[in-house]
Amino acid sequence: MNQPHMAQHNERNVRLLPRHWAWLEAQPRGVHASLRLLVEMASRDMDGYFRAVRIKEECYLYMRDMAGDRPHFEEAVRAMFANDADGLQQQMTSWPAPVRTHINALLAATQVNVIGKEST
């Protein structure tokens, strides 16, 4: 006897910290609806927050590879993650111009808008 095709639900487990579960359980929509809403909001990324985070992570990896042994590297990274464009430019002054230019180009789309602030 053939049974009608039933939709397959792929259930997956999510591991969260106890405080995360407590927050989810306190939401009026419930755990599952709240998780779906959070994922939906993040995937739409209307304010660009998650895109900016991804760009900063990409920039950090580039900075680590290209300038990790340069003077003021750690200070420059801290300035970048703190959205301190002036501080970032100040810390990168001794770095090669192509490296500074690429970092500025990567960060141009985030709130750390450093385009046009080339160090001399």
N, C-alpha and C. Protein backbone atom coordinates (compact mmCIF):
# COMPACT_ATOMS: atom_id res chain seq x y z
N MET A 1 0.83 -1.18 0.00
CA MET A 1 0.00 0.00 0.00
C MET A 1 0.88 1.24 0.00
N ASN A 2 0.65 2.13 -0.95
CA ASN A 2 1.42 3.36 -1.06
C ASN A 2 0.84 4.43 -0.14
N GLN A 3 1.71 5.01 0.64
CA GLN A 3 1.28 6.11 1.50
C GLN A 3 1.66 7.42 0.85
N PRO A 4 0.86 8.45 1.05
CA PRO A 4 1.22 9.75 0.47
C PRO A 4 2.55 10.25 1.04
N HIS A 5 3.27 10.96 0.19
CA HIS A 5 4.56 11.51 0.61
C HIS A 5 4.34 12.54 1.71
N MET A 6 5.00 12.36 2.80
CA MET A 6 4.88 13.30 3.91
C MET A 6 6.14 14.16 3.95
N ALA A 7 5.96 15.40 4.30
CA ALA A 7 7.11 16.31 4.38
C ALA A 7 8.10 15.79 5.41
N GLN A 8 9.34 15.84 5.05
CA GLN A 8 10.40 15.38 5.94
C GLN A 8 10.87 16.57 6.77
N HIS A 9 10.84 16.43 8.06
CA HIS A 9 11.34 17.49 8.94
C HIS A 9 12.72 17.09 9.43
N ASN A 10 13.67 17.92 9.16
CA ASN A 10 15.02 17.67 9.62
C ASN A 10 15.22 18.37 10.96
N GLU A 11 15.04 17.61 12.02
CA GLU A 11 15.24 18.18 13.33
C GLU A 11 16.73 18.19 13.63
N ARG A 12 17.17 19.27 14.22
CA ARG A 12 18.57 19.41 14.58
C ARG A 12 18.66 19.87 16.02
N ASN A 13 19.72 19.52 16.66
CA ASN A 13 19.93 19.95 18.04
C ASN A 13 20.71 21.24 18.06
N VAL A 14 20.40 22.07 19.02
CA VAL A 14 21.11 23.32 19.21
C VAL A 14 21.67 23.32 20.62
N ARG A 15 22.94 23.62 20.74
CA ARG A 15 23.56 23.69 22.07
C ARG A 15 23.73 25.15 22.44
N LEU A 16 23.15 25.51 23.54
CA LEU A 16 23.22 26.87 24.04
C LEU A 16 23.62 26.85 25.50
N LEU A 17 24.09 27.97 25.97
CA LEU A 17 24.40 28.11 27.38
C LEU A 17 23.09 28.19 28.17
N PRO A 18 23.12 27.83 29.44
CA PRO A 18 21.90 27.90 30.25
C PRO A 18 21.23 29.27 30.24
N ARG A 19 22.03 30.32 30.25
CA ARG A 19 21.43 31.67 30.24
C ARG A 19 20.70 31.94 28.93
N HIS A 20 21.17 31.35 27.82
CA HIS A 20 20.49 31.51 26.54
C HIS A 20 19.15 30.78 26.55
N TRP A 21 19.16 29.55 27.09
CA TRP A 21 17.90 28.81 27.20
C TRP A 21 16.92 29.56 28.10
N ALA A 22 17.42 30.12 29.18
CA ALA A 22 16.53 30.86 30.10
C ALA A 22 15.90 32.05 29.39
N TRP A 23 16.69 32.76 28.59
CA TRP A 23 16.15 33.90 27.85
C TRP A 23 15.10 33.44 26.84
N LEU A 24 15.44 32.39 26.10
CA LEU A 24 14.49 31.87 25.10
C LEU A 24 13.19 31.41 25.75
N GLU A 25 13.29 30.72 26.86
CA GLU A 25 12.10 30.22 27.53
C GLU A 25 11.24 31.34 28.09
N ALA A 26 11.83 32.49 28.34
CA ALA A 26 11.07 33.62 28.88
C ALA A 26 10.35 34.42 27.79
N GLN A 27 10.63 34.12 26.52
CA GLN A 27 10.02 34.88 25.43
C GLN A 27 8.55 34.48 25.27
N PRO A 28 7.68 35.46 25.03
CA PRO A 28 6.26 35.16 24.92
C PRO A 28 5.92 34.25 23.73
N ARG A 29 6.75 34.26 22.70
CA ARG A 29 6.48 33.42 21.52
C ARG A 29 6.86 31.97 21.73
N GLY A 30 7.70 31.72 22.71
CA GLY A 30 8.20 30.38 22.93
C GLY A 30 9.57 30.20 22.31
N VAL A 31 10.20 29.09 22.65
CA VAL A 31 11.58 28.84 22.22
C VAL A 31 11.71 28.75 20.71
N HIS A 32 10.91 27.90 20.07
CA HIS A 32 11.06 27.65 18.64
C HIS A 32 10.74 28.90 17.81
N ALA A 33 9.66 29.57 18.16
CA ALA A 33 9.29 30.77 17.40
C ALA A 33 10.33 31.87 17.59
N SER A 34 10.87 31.99 18.79
CA SER A 34 11.90 33.01 19.05
C SER A 34 13.17 32.72 18.26
N LEU A 35 13.56 31.45 18.21
CA LEU A 35 14.74 31.09 17.42
C LEU A 35 14.53 31.38 15.94
N ARG A 36 13.34 31.02 15.43
CA ARG A 36 13.05 31.30 14.02
C ARG A 36 13.10 32.81 13.75
N LEU A 37 12.54 33.61 14.66
CA LEU A 37 12.54 35.05 14.49
C LEU A 37 13.97 35.61 14.50
N LEU A 38 14.79 35.13 15.42
CA LEU A 38 16.18 35.59 15.48
C LEU A 38 16.94 35.24 14.20
N VAL A 39 16.73 34.03 13.70
CA VAL A 39 17.41 33.61 12.46
C VAL A 39 16.91 34.45 11.29
N GLU A 40 15.61 34.69 11.24
CA GLU A 40 15.04 35.50 10.16
C GLU A 40 15.60 36.92 10.18
N MET A 41 15.65 37.51 11.36
CA MET A 41 16.18 38.88 11.48
C MET A 41 17.66 38.92 11.07
N ALA A 42 18.42 37.94 11.50
CA ALA A 42 19.84 37.91 11.15
C ALA A 42 20.04 37.70 9.65
N SER A 43 19.20 36.86 9.05
CA SER A 43 19.38 36.61 7.62
C SER A 43 19.00 37.81 6.77
N ARG A 44 18.06 38.61 7.26
CA ARG A 44 17.70 39.83 6.53
C ARG A 44 18.73 40.93 6.74
N ASP A 45 19.28 40.99 7.94
CA ASP A 45 20.35 41.94 8.28
C ASP A 45 20.07 43.35 7.78
N MET A 46 18.89 43.85 8.09
CA MET A 46 18.46 45.14 7.56
C MET A 46 19.37 46.30 7.97
N ASP A 47 19.91 46.26 9.18
CA ASP A 47 20.75 47.37 9.61
C ASP A 47 22.22 47.17 9.25
N GLY A 48 22.55 46.03 8.65
CA GLY A 48 23.92 45.79 8.22
C GLY A 48 24.85 45.35 9.33
N TYR A 49 24.32 45.11 10.53
CA TYR A 49 25.17 44.76 11.67
C TYR A 49 25.97 43.48 11.40
N PHE A 50 25.29 42.42 10.97
CA PHE A 50 25.98 41.15 10.77
C PHE A 50 26.96 41.22 9.61
N ARG A 51 26.62 41.99 8.60
CA ARG A 51 27.55 42.20 7.48
C ARG A 51 28.81 42.91 7.97
N ALA A 52 28.63 43.92 8.82
CA ALA A 52 29.78 44.65 9.35
C ALA A 52 30.65 43.73 10.19
N VAL A 53 30.05 42.85 10.98
CA VAL A 53 30.82 41.91 11.79
C VAL A 53 31.63 40.98 10.89
N ARG A 54 31.00 40.47 9.83
CA ARG A 54 31.72 39.58 8.90
C ARG A 54 32.89 40.31 8.23
N ILE A 55 32.65 41.56 7.84
CA ILE A 55 33.71 42.34 7.18
C ILE A 55 34.86 42.58 8.14
N LYS A 56 34.55 42.91 9.39
CA LYS A 56 35.62 43.15 10.37
C LYS A 56 36.42 41.88 10.62
N GLU A 57 35.75 40.74 10.67
CA GLU A 57 36.47 39.47 10.85
C GLU A 57 37.38 39.20 9.66
N GLU A 58 36.87 39.45 8.44
CA GLU A 58 37.69 39.28 7.24
C GLU A 58 38.89 40.23 7.29
N CYS A 59 38.64 41.45 7.70
CA CYS A 59 39.72 42.44 7.79
C CYS A 59 40.75 42.03 8.83
N TYR A 60 40.27 41.51 9.96
CA TYR A 60 41.20 41.05 10.99
C TYR A 60 42.12 39.96 10.44
N LEU A 61 41.55 39.01 9.72
CA LEU A 61 42.37 37.93 9.16
C LEU A 61 43.41 38.48 8.19
N TYR A 62 43.01 39.44 7.37
CA TYR A 62 43.95 40.08 6.45
C TYR A 62 45.05 40.82 7.23
N MET A 63 44.63 41.58 8.24
CA MET A 63 45.60 42.31 9.06
C MET A 63 46.58 41.35 9.73
N ARG A 64 46.07 40.26 10.26
CA ARG A 64 46.92 39.27 10.93
C ARG A 64 47.95 38.71 9.96
N ASP A 65 47.50 38.36 8.75
CA ASP A 65 48.40 37.77 7.77
C ASP A 65 49.40 38.76 7.19
N MET A 66 48.96 39.98 6.96
CA MET A 66 49.81 40.95 6.27
C MET A 66 50.57 41.89 7.22
N ALA A 67 50.08 42.06 8.44
CA ALA A 67 50.72 43.04 9.32
C ALA A 67 50.86 42.53 10.76
N GLY A 68 50.69 41.24 10.96
CA GLY A 68 50.75 40.69 12.31
C GLY A 68 52.07 40.92 13.01
N ASP A 69 53.14 41.10 12.24
CA ASP A 69 54.46 41.35 12.83
C ASP A 69 54.86 42.82 12.76
N ARG A 70 53.93 43.66 12.33
CA ARG A 70 54.21 45.10 12.21
C ARG A 70 54.01 45.80 13.56
N PRO A 71 54.66 46.95 13.71
CA PRO A 71 54.47 47.71 14.95
C PRO A 71 53.00 48.13 15.11
N HIS A 72 52.53 48.10 16.32
CA HIS A 72 51.19 48.57 16.70
C HIS A 72 50.06 47.72 16.14
N PHE A 73 50.37 46.47 15.78
CA PHE A 73 49.33 45.59 15.23
C PHE A 73 48.18 45.41 16.22
N GLU A 74 48.49 45.04 17.45
CA GLU A 74 47.43 44.78 18.44
C GLU A 74 46.60 46.03 18.71
N GLU A 75 47.25 47.18 18.78
CA GLU A 75 46.53 48.43 19.00
C GLU A 75 45.60 48.75 17.82
N ALA A 76 46.09 48.46 16.61
CA ALA A 76 45.28 48.69 15.40
C ALA A 76 44.04 47.80 15.40
N VAL A 77 44.23 46.54 15.78
CA VAL A 77 43.09 45.62 15.84
C VAL A 77 42.08 46.10 16.86
N ARG A 78 42.56 46.50 18.03
CA ARG A 78 41.64 47.01 19.06
C ARG A 78 40.88 48.24 18.56
N ALA A 79 41.57 49.13 17.87
CA ALA A 79 40.93 50.34 17.35
C ALA A 79 39.87 49.97 16.31
N MET A 80 40.18 49.00 15.45
CA MET A 80 39.21 48.59 14.43
C MET A 80 37.95 48.05 15.08
N PHE A 81 38.09 47.13 16.04
CA PHE A 81 36.92 46.54 16.67
C PHE A 81 36.17 47.53 17.56
N ALA A 82 36.83 48.61 17.96
CA ALA A 82 36.18 49.65 18.76
C ALA A 82 35.56 50.75 17.89
N ASN A 83 35.61 50.58 16.57
CA ASN A 83 35.10 51.57 15.62
C ASN A 83 35.82 52.91 15.75
N ASP A 84 37.09 52.87 16.08
CA ASP A 84 37.91 54.07 16.23
C ASP A 84 38.73 54.25 14.95
N ALA A 85 38.14 54.90 13.96
CA ALA A 85 38.80 55.06 12.66
C ALA A 85 40.09 55.87 12.77
N ASP A 86 40.06 56.95 13.55
CA ASP A 86 41.27 57.77 13.70
C ASP A 86 42.37 56.98 14.39
N GLY A 87 42.02 56.24 15.44
CA GLY A 87 43.00 55.42 16.13
C GLY A 87 43.59 54.35 15.23
N LEU A 88 42.74 53.74 14.42
CA LEU A 88 43.21 52.72 13.48
C LEU A 88 44.21 53.32 12.52
N GLN A 89 43.88 54.48 11.94
CA GLN A 89 44.79 55.11 10.99
C GLN A 89 46.11 55.47 11.66
N GLN A 90 46.05 55.96 12.88
CA GLN A 90 47.26 56.34 13.62
C GLN A 90 48.15 55.12 13.85
N GLN A 91 47.56 53.98 14.20
CA GLN A 91 48.35 52.79 14.49
C GLN A 91 48.95 52.18 13.22
N MET A 92 48.33 52.43 12.07
CA MET A 92 48.80 51.83 10.81
C MET A 92 49.80 52.71 10.06
N THR A 93 50.20 53.84 10.62
CA THR A 93 51.03 54.79 9.86
C THR A 93 52.30 54.19 9.29
N SER A 94 52.93 53.31 10.02
CA SER A 94 54.20 52.75 9.53
C SER A 94 54.02 51.52 8.64
N TRP A 95 52.81 51.09 8.43
CA TRP A 95 52.56 49.92 7.59
C TRP A 95 52.65 50.30 6.12
N PRO A 96 52.95 49.34 5.25
CA PRO A 96 53.02 49.64 3.81
C PRO A 96 51.69 50.18 3.28
N ALA A 97 51.79 51.13 2.37
CA ALA A 97 50.60 51.78 1.81
C ALA A 97 49.61 50.78 1.20
N PRO A 98 50.05 49.75 0.46
CA PRO A 98 49.07 48.81 -0.11
C PRO A 98 48.26 48.07 0.97
N VAL A 99 48.90 47.77 2.09
CA VAL A 99 48.20 47.10 3.18
C VAL A 99 47.16 48.03 3.78
N ARG A 100 47.56 49.27 4.06
CA ARG A 100 46.60 50.27 4.60
C ARG A 100 45.44 50.48 3.64
N THR A 101 45.74 50.59 2.36
CA THR A 101 44.71 50.83 1.36
C THR A 101 43.71 49.67 1.32
N HIS A 102 44.21 48.45 1.38
CA HIS A 102 43.31 47.29 1.34
C HIS A 102 42.45 47.22 2.60
N ILE A 103 43.02 47.52 3.74
CA ILE A 103 42.25 47.53 4.99
C ILE A 103 41.16 48.59 4.90
N ASN A 104 41.50 49.77 4.44
CA ASN A 104 40.50 50.83 4.28
C ASN A 104 39.39 50.40 3.33
N ALA A 105 39.76 49.72 2.24
CA ALA A 105 38.75 49.28 1.28
C ALA A 105 37.83 48.23 1.90
N LEU A 106 38.39 47.31 2.68
CA LEU A 106 37.56 46.30 3.33
C LEU A 106 36.57 46.95 4.31
N LEU A 107 37.04 47.93 5.04
CA LEU A 107 36.21 48.54 6.08
C LEU A 107 35.27 49.64 5.58
N ALA A 108 35.37 49.97 4.31
CA ALA A 108 34.58 51.07 3.76
C ALA A 108 33.08 50.87 3.95
N ALA A 109 32.62 49.64 3.92
CA ALA A 109 31.18 49.37 4.00
C ALA A 109 30.68 49.24 5.43
N THR A 110 31.56 49.33 6.41
CA THR A 110 31.13 49.23 7.81
C THR A 110 31.01 50.61 8.41
N GLN A 111 30.67 50.65 9.67
CA GLN A 111 30.58 51.93 10.37
C GLN A 111 31.97 52.53 10.60
N VAL A 112 33.00 51.74 10.44
CA VAL A 112 34.36 52.25 10.55
C VAL A 112 34.77 52.72 9.17
N ASN A 113 34.21 53.82 8.73
CA ASN A 113 34.46 54.32 7.39
C ASN A 113 35.78 55.08 7.39
N VAL A 114 36.84 54.43 6.92
CA VAL A 114 38.18 55.02 6.97
C VAL A 114 38.68 55.42 5.60
N ILE A 115 37.86 55.33 4.57
CA ILE A 115 38.28 55.73 3.24
C ILE A 115 38.64 57.21 3.25
N GLY A 116 39.69 57.55 2.57
CA GLY A 116 40.08 58.94 2.46
C GLY A 116 40.93 59.43 3.61
N LYS A 117 41.29 58.56 4.52
CA LYS A 117 42.11 58.96 5.66
C LYS A 117 43.48 58.29 5.54
N GLU A 118 44.08 58.37 4.40
CA GLU A 118 45.40 57.77 4.20
C GLU A 118 46.43 58.47 5.08
N SER A 119 47.25 57.67 5.71
CA SER A 119 48.31 58.23 6.53
C SER A 119 49.49 58.58 5.63
N THR A 120 50.25 59.54 6.07
CA THR A 120 51.41 59.94 5.29
C THR A 120 52.67 59.34 5.84
